[in-house]
Amino acid sequence: MTAQGERQEQVYKVAVADVGSNSVRILTIGADGKLYDDLFYLRAGVQEYFVLLEDVMLPYEKAEKKVMVATEYWRKHKGEFIELKDFAEAGGWEIELLTPEREGILAWKGVEFLDGASFECLVDIGGGSFEVIKRGGEVYSWGFGAVVLKNRADEILGSTDAQGSKRVETLERILADELTGFKLGVKRVVGIGGAVVAVAMASKGVKKVEDINGKLLKFDEVEAFIDVVSGMTLDKRKELFGEGRGDIVLEGAVILKKLMECLEVEKIKTSIAGIVHGVMSEVLNEHYPDIKKFLSKV
């Protein structure tokens, strides 16, 4: 992803924002015709959220076309979504509250837009929810992602810093109850979302996000990651994975492991695509077909 600070004077043609439970991801096309991808860790529901969000959105205010999508947290907190809607519209953003099915379809379109690869199934692990999408548009969605799972475990264990096998067992027990009976036998699986990317980068020793795209992540690598991270203190995890990711990276990895078991796969292909890429694809198809053609050749 390109750091927004490197191009303060950039004027954007299109800006697409995914306002999620744990972060805000903004995909843009600049006047230079290049695609830019920015990620800001901002957990929904925190104090002064909209003040912080305004700072995040400021560099994109002059974009010609601005589209915002909201996901699981906002589906569960309709009163706060009304405030988000007012915020977006005041800033000239079109906004859509995605259903789980729509979110899954956009995730699929996003991988096709960025990677163009052939795959049979897609796993998308977010902070508020996670989805499994099969080719043909079949979407399975669970309304608890890494942030929600962390909060459930904290209620049981009393602390985010309670680690080791006890926390892993608690997380696995919660997921087993929620995913009872879910099985899909598939082969070519792509994984997206912060949890997948974080596990893959750590497992492969990759430092740049863009370098992990397309890499295969094996089941035993996910298991090894869980074993190592579960023994770390919260401070250590934040040091390694950042303030916005450190307290939920274990939860995301445990979700990924459980989904791989349910899908009966030993490996998945990592993609840095997201629903912002799916929205961008739709916007370009409808309003900027010439830009879409140009990007496909780059």
Protein backbone atom coordinates (compact mmCIF):
# COMPACT_ATOMS: atom_id res chain seq x y z
CA MET A 1 0.00 0.00 0.00
CA THR A 2 1.21 3.49 -0.77
CA ALA A 3 1.60 5.92 2.10
CA GLN A 4 -0.85 8.80 1.73
CA GLY A 5 1.72 11.18 3.21
CA GLU A 6 3.91 10.80 0.13
CA ARG A 7 1.36 12.55 -2.09
CA GLN A 8 -0.33 15.27 -0.08
CA GLU A 9 -0.97 17.33 -3.21
CA GLN A 10 -2.53 14.49 -5.19
CA VAL A 11 -5.92 15.15 -6.75
CA TYR A 12 -8.06 12.05 -6.96
CA LYS A 13 -10.37 11.04 -9.76
CA VAL A 14 -12.15 8.35 -7.72
CA ALA A 15 -12.08 7.54 -4.01
CA VAL A 16 -13.67 4.43 -2.49
CA ALA A 17 -13.74 4.01 1.30
CA ASP A 18 -14.51 0.86 3.30
CA VAL A 19 -15.39 1.97 6.82
CA GLY A 20 -15.06 -1.21 8.87
CA SER A 21 -15.00 -2.33 12.48
CA ASN A 22 -11.25 -2.01 12.94
CA SER A 23 -10.02 0.18 10.10
CA VAL A 24 -10.78 2.48 7.20
CA ARG A 25 -9.39 1.40 3.84
CA ILE A 26 -9.41 3.89 0.99
CA LEU A 27 -8.70 2.97 -2.63
CA THR A 28 -8.17 5.85 -5.03
CA ILE A 29 -7.28 6.63 -8.60
CA GLY A 30 -5.19 9.76 -8.90
CA ALA A 31 -5.09 12.29 -11.67
CA ASP A 32 -1.88 10.51 -12.67
CA GLY A 33 -3.95 7.40 -13.49
CA LYS A 34 -2.35 5.33 -10.74
CA LEU A 35 -4.16 3.19 -8.17
CA TYR A 36 -3.42 4.06 -4.51
CA ASP A 37 -4.33 1.96 -1.48
CA ASP A 38 -4.34 3.45 2.03
CA LEU A 39 -5.16 1.75 5.33
CA PHE A 40 -5.91 3.57 8.58
CA TYR A 41 -6.51 1.70 11.84
CA LEU A 42 -9.56 3.27 13.45
CA ARG A 43 -11.81 1.10 15.59
CA ALA A 44 -15.50 1.89 15.29
CA GLY A 45 -17.16 2.99 18.52
CA VAL A 46 -14.12 4.64 20.10
CA GLN A 47 -14.42 8.07 21.69
CA GLU A 48 -14.31 10.97 19.20
CA TYR A 49 -14.57 8.50 16.31
CA PHE A 50 -16.00 11.02 13.85
CA VAL A 51 -13.36 13.62 14.72
CA LEU A 52 -10.68 11.06 13.89
CA LEU A 53 -12.56 9.93 10.77
CA GLU A 54 -12.73 13.51 9.52
CA ASP A 55 -8.92 13.72 9.68
CA VAL A 56 -8.63 10.46 7.74
CA MET A 57 -11.01 11.63 5.01
CA LEU A 58 -9.64 15.15 4.57
CA PRO A 59 -7.07 14.40 1.80
CA TYR A 60 -9.81 12.90 -0.38
CA GLU A 61 -12.41 15.67 -0.13
CA LYS A 62 -11.76 17.00 -3.64
CA ALA A 63 -12.10 13.66 -5.40
CA GLU A 64 -14.40 13.77 -8.41
CA LYS A 65 -16.33 10.62 -7.40
CA LYS A 66 -16.52 9.45 -3.78
CA VAL A 67 -18.18 6.23 -2.61
CA MET A 68 -18.24 4.88 0.95
CA VAL A 69 -19.38 1.45 2.14
CA ALA A 70 -20.09 0.32 5.69
CA THR A 71 -20.04 -3.24 6.98
CA GLU A 72 -20.84 -5.37 10.04
CA TYR A 73 -20.31 -2.93 12.90
CA TRP A 74 -22.67 -0.45 11.28
CA ARG A 75 -25.23 -3.17 10.53
CA LYS A 76 -25.36 -3.89 14.26
CA HIS A 77 -25.34 -0.24 15.36
CA LYS A 78 -28.00 1.41 13.22
CA GLY A 79 -28.08 4.59 15.31
CA GLU A 80 -24.37 5.13 14.76
CA PHE A 81 -24.80 4.34 11.08
CA ILE A 82 -27.26 7.23 10.78
CA GLU A 83 -24.51 9.47 12.16
CA LEU A 84 -22.02 7.96 9.70
CA LYS A 85 -24.48 8.53 6.85
CA ASP A 86 -24.90 12.17 7.81
CA PHE A 87 -21.12 12.54 8.05
CA ALA A 88 -20.60 10.96 4.62
CA GLU A 89 -23.28 12.92 2.80
CA ALA A 90 -22.08 16.21 4.32
CA GLY A 91 -18.69 15.46 2.77
CA GLY A 92 -20.10 14.58 -0.64
CA TRP A 93 -19.71 10.80 -0.28
CA GLU A 94 -22.28 8.37 -1.61
CA ILE A 95 -22.76 5.74 1.09
CA GLU A 96 -24.12 2.19 1.15
CA LEU A 97 -24.71 -0.05 4.16
CA LEU A 98 -23.79 -3.45 2.79
CA THR A 99 -25.75 -6.59 3.48
CA PRO A 100 -23.58 -9.67 4.18
CA GLU A 101 -24.48 -11.01 0.72
CA ARG A 102 -23.53 -7.75 -0.99
CA GLU A 103 -20.28 -7.64 0.99
CA GLY A 104 -19.42 -11.14 -0.20
CA ILE A 105 -20.14 -10.31 -3.83
CA LEU A 106 -17.98 -7.17 -3.66
CA ALA A 107 -15.14 -9.13 -2.08
CA TRP A 108 -15.29 -11.61 -4.96
CA LYS A 109 -15.34 -8.80 -7.53
CA GLY A 110 -12.42 -7.20 -5.72
CA VAL A 111 -10.17 -10.24 -6.10
CA GLU A 112 -11.13 -10.56 -9.76
CA PHE A 113 -10.40 -6.86 -10.28
CA LEU A 114 -6.96 -6.92 -8.63
CA ASP A 115 -5.71 -10.42 -9.41
CA GLY A 116 -7.90 -11.79 -12.20
CA ALA A 117 -7.11 -15.29 -10.98
CA SER A 118 -9.34 -18.34 -11.23
CA PHE A 119 -10.57 -19.60 -7.87
CA GLU A 120 -13.43 -21.64 -6.48
CA CYS A 121 -13.95 -20.14 -3.04
CA LEU A 122 -13.09 -16.92 -1.18
CA VAL A 123 -12.53 -16.38 2.55
CA ASP A 124 -12.80 -12.80 3.86
CA ILE A 125 -11.91 -12.26 7.53
CA GLY A 126 -12.69 -8.82 8.91
CA GLY A 127 -12.96 -7.22 12.31
CA GLY A 128 -16.75 -7.36 12.54
CA SER A 129 -17.60 -10.39 10.42
CA PHE A 130 -16.18 -13.08 8.20
CA GLU A 131 -17.54 -14.51 4.98
CA VAL A 132 -17.08 -17.57 2.81
CA ILE A 133 -18.12 -17.05 -0.82
CA LYS A 134 -18.41 -19.79 -3.41
CA ARG A 135 -18.25 -19.29 -7.15
CA GLY A 136 -21.77 -18.63 -8.37
CA GLY A 137 -22.60 -16.11 -5.65
CA GLU A 138 -23.29 -18.41 -2.68
CA VAL A 139 -22.39 -16.36 0.44
CA TYR A 140 -22.03 -17.62 4.02
CA SER A 141 -21.59 -14.90 6.63
CA TRP A 142 -21.02 -14.84 10.39
CA GLY A 143 -21.53 -11.60 12.29
CA PHE A 144 -18.40 -11.83 14.38
CA GLY A 145 -14.92 -11.20 13.10
CA ALA A 146 -11.63 -10.82 14.93
CA VAL A 147 -12.74 -7.83 17.05
CA VAL A 148 -16.01 -9.44 18.12
CA LEU A 149 -14.30 -12.76 18.84
CA LYS A 150 -11.68 -10.95 20.95
CA ASN A 151 -14.42 -9.23 22.97
CA ARG A 152 -16.21 -12.53 23.59
CA ALA A 153 -13.01 -14.19 24.77
CA ASP A 154 -12.17 -11.21 26.99
CA GLU A 155 -15.55 -11.55 28.71
CA ILE A 156 -14.78 -15.18 29.49
CA LEU A 157 -11.10 -14.80 30.39
CA GLY A 158 -11.20 -11.30 31.86
CA SER A 159 -8.38 -9.83 29.77
CA THR A 160 -7.00 -9.48 26.25
CA ASP A 161 -3.57 -10.23 27.71
CA ALA A 162 -4.66 -13.68 28.87
CA GLN A 163 -2.79 -15.79 26.34
CA GLY A 164 -1.41 -19.28 25.90
CA SER A 165 -3.34 -22.46 25.27
CA LYS A 166 -6.22 -21.36 27.49
CA ARG A 167 -7.09 -18.44 25.21
CA VAL A 168 -6.68 -20.51 22.05
CA GLU A 169 -8.97 -23.19 23.49
CA THR A 170 -11.55 -20.53 24.40
CA LEU A 171 -11.46 -19.03 20.90
CA GLU A 172 -11.75 -22.46 19.29
CA ARG A 173 -14.69 -23.39 21.51
CA ILE A 174 -16.57 -20.19 20.57
CA LEU A 175 -15.96 -20.82 16.86
CA ALA A 176 -16.93 -24.49 17.11
CA ASP A 177 -20.29 -23.49 18.55
CA GLU A 178 -20.89 -20.89 15.83
CA LEU A 179 -19.75 -23.06 12.92
CA THR A 180 -21.42 -26.31 13.96
CA GLY A 181 -22.25 -28.35 10.86
CA PHE A 182 -20.55 -26.03 8.38
CA LYS A 183 -18.49 -28.01 5.85
CA LEU A 184 -17.51 -27.29 2.26
CA GLY A 185 -15.20 -29.44 0.20
CA VAL A 186 -13.40 -27.01 -2.12
CA LYS A 187 -10.00 -26.81 -3.80
CA ARG A 188 -8.87 -23.40 -5.06
CA VAL A 189 -9.35 -20.97 -2.15
CA VAL A 190 -8.29 -17.34 -1.90
CA GLY A 191 -8.03 -15.54 1.45
CA ILE A 192 -8.38 -11.78 2.00
CA GLY A 193 -8.59 -9.44 4.96
CA GLY A 194 -6.16 -8.16 7.57
CA ALA A 195 -5.94 -11.47 9.44
CA VAL A 196 -4.97 -13.46 6.35
CA VAL A 197 -2.41 -10.89 5.24
CA ALA A 198 -0.86 -10.58 8.72
CA VAL A 199 -0.48 -14.35 9.17
CA ALA A 200 0.91 -14.79 5.66
CA MET A 201 3.43 -11.94 6.00
CA ALA A 202 4.72 -13.22 9.34
CA SER A 203 4.88 -16.83 8.14
CA LYS A 204 6.76 -15.93 4.95
CA GLY A 205 8.96 -13.23 6.49
CA VAL A 206 7.59 -10.65 4.04
CA LYS A 207 7.96 -6.97 5.00
CA LYS A 208 5.94 -5.19 2.28
CA VAL A 209 2.22 -5.82 1.97
CA GLU A 210 2.25 -5.87 -1.83
CA ASP A 211 4.89 -8.63 -1.80
CA ILE A 212 2.57 -11.12 -0.09
CA ASN A 213 -0.04 -10.97 -2.85
CA GLY A 214 -0.45 -14.35 -4.53
CA LYS A 215 1.62 -16.30 -1.98
CA LEU A 216 0.32 -19.67 -0.76
CA LEU A 217 -0.32 -20.01 2.97
CA LYS A 218 -0.34 -23.56 4.36
CA PHE A 219 -2.45 -24.91 7.20
CA ASP A 220 0.60 -25.94 9.24
CA GLU A 221 1.97 -22.40 8.90
CA VAL A 222 -1.25 -21.03 10.39
CA GLU A 223 -0.98 -23.51 13.26
CA ALA A 224 2.65 -22.55 13.87
CA PHE A 225 1.72 -18.85 13.85
CA ILE A 226 -0.97 -19.46 16.49
CA ASP A 227 1.46 -21.42 18.68
CA VAL A 228 4.01 -18.59 18.61
CA VAL A 229 1.67 -15.61 18.95
CA SER A 230 -0.45 -17.17 21.71
CA GLY A 231 2.64 -17.17 23.92
CA MET A 232 3.28 -13.44 23.47
CA THR A 233 2.17 -10.65 25.77
CA LEU A 234 -0.24 -8.06 24.42
CA ASP A 235 2.55 -5.46 24.39
CA LYS A 236 4.74 -7.77 22.32
CA ARG A 237 1.99 -8.41 19.79
CA LYS A 238 1.34 -4.68 19.44
CA GLU A 239 5.07 -4.11 18.96
CA LEU A 240 5.20 -6.68 16.15
CA PHE A 241 1.84 -6.10 14.46
CA GLY A 242 0.97 -2.52 15.41
CA GLU A 243 -1.54 -0.92 17.76
CA GLY A 244 -4.46 -1.50 15.41
CA ARG A 245 -3.75 -5.17 14.69
CA GLY A 246 -1.82 -6.53 17.69
CA ASP A 247 -4.76 -7.18 20.01
CA ILE A 248 -6.77 -9.14 17.40
CA VAL A 249 -4.11 -10.92 15.32
CA LEU A 250 -4.43 -14.16 17.28
CA GLU A 251 -8.22 -14.15 16.92
CA GLY A 252 -7.96 -13.64 13.18
CA ALA A 253 -5.52 -16.53 12.87
CA VAL A 254 -7.78 -18.88 14.85
CA ILE A 255 -10.73 -17.96 12.60
CA LEU A 256 -8.59 -18.69 9.54
CA LYS A 257 -7.51 -22.06 10.91
CA LYS A 258 -11.10 -23.05 11.68
CA LEU A 259 -12.32 -22.01 8.21
CA MET A 260 -9.55 -24.00 6.54
CA GLU A 261 -10.69 -27.03 8.52
CA CYS A 262 -14.31 -26.45 7.49
CA LEU A 263 -13.31 -26.02 3.84
CA GLU A 264 -11.03 -29.08 4.05
CA VAL A 265 -8.07 -27.29 2.44
CA GLU A 266 -4.37 -27.49 3.28
CA LYS A 267 -3.46 -24.17 1.66
CA ILE A 268 -4.98 -20.90 0.52
CA LYS A 269 -3.78 -18.19 -1.83
CA THR A 270 -3.25 -14.81 -0.19
CA SER A 271 -4.68 -11.69 -1.82
CA ILE A 272 -4.42 -8.08 -0.69
CA ALA A 273 -7.67 -7.27 -2.49
CA GLY A 274 -10.68 -6.09 -0.54
CA ILE A 275 -14.25 -4.95 -1.00
CA VAL A 276 -12.87 -1.52 -1.95
CA HIS A 277 -11.55 -3.14 -5.13
CA GLY A 278 -14.99 -4.59 -5.84
CA VAL A 279 -16.64 -1.20 -5.39
CA MET A 280 -13.95 0.43 -7.51
CA SER A 281 -14.59 -2.09 -10.28
CA GLU A 282 -18.30 -1.25 -10.29
CA VAL A 283 -17.67 2.51 -10.25
CA LEU A 284 -15.23 2.29 -13.15
CA ASN A 285 -17.54 0.05 -15.17
CA GLU A 286 -20.41 2.51 -14.79
CA HIS A 287 -18.68 5.89 -14.86
CA TYR A 288 -15.09 5.52 -16.10
CA PRO A 289 -14.82 2.60 -18.56
CA ASP A 290 -11.77 4.15 -20.22
CA ILE A 291 -9.88 4.18 -16.90
CA LYS A 292 -10.85 0.52 -16.33
CA LYS A 293 -9.40 -0.41 -19.71
CA PHE A 294 -6.21 1.51 -18.97
CA LEU A 295 -5.73 -0.16 -15.55
CA SER A 296 -6.24 -3.61 -17.06
CA LYS A 297 -3.21 -2.99 -19.28
CA VAL A 298 -0.90 -1.74 -16.50
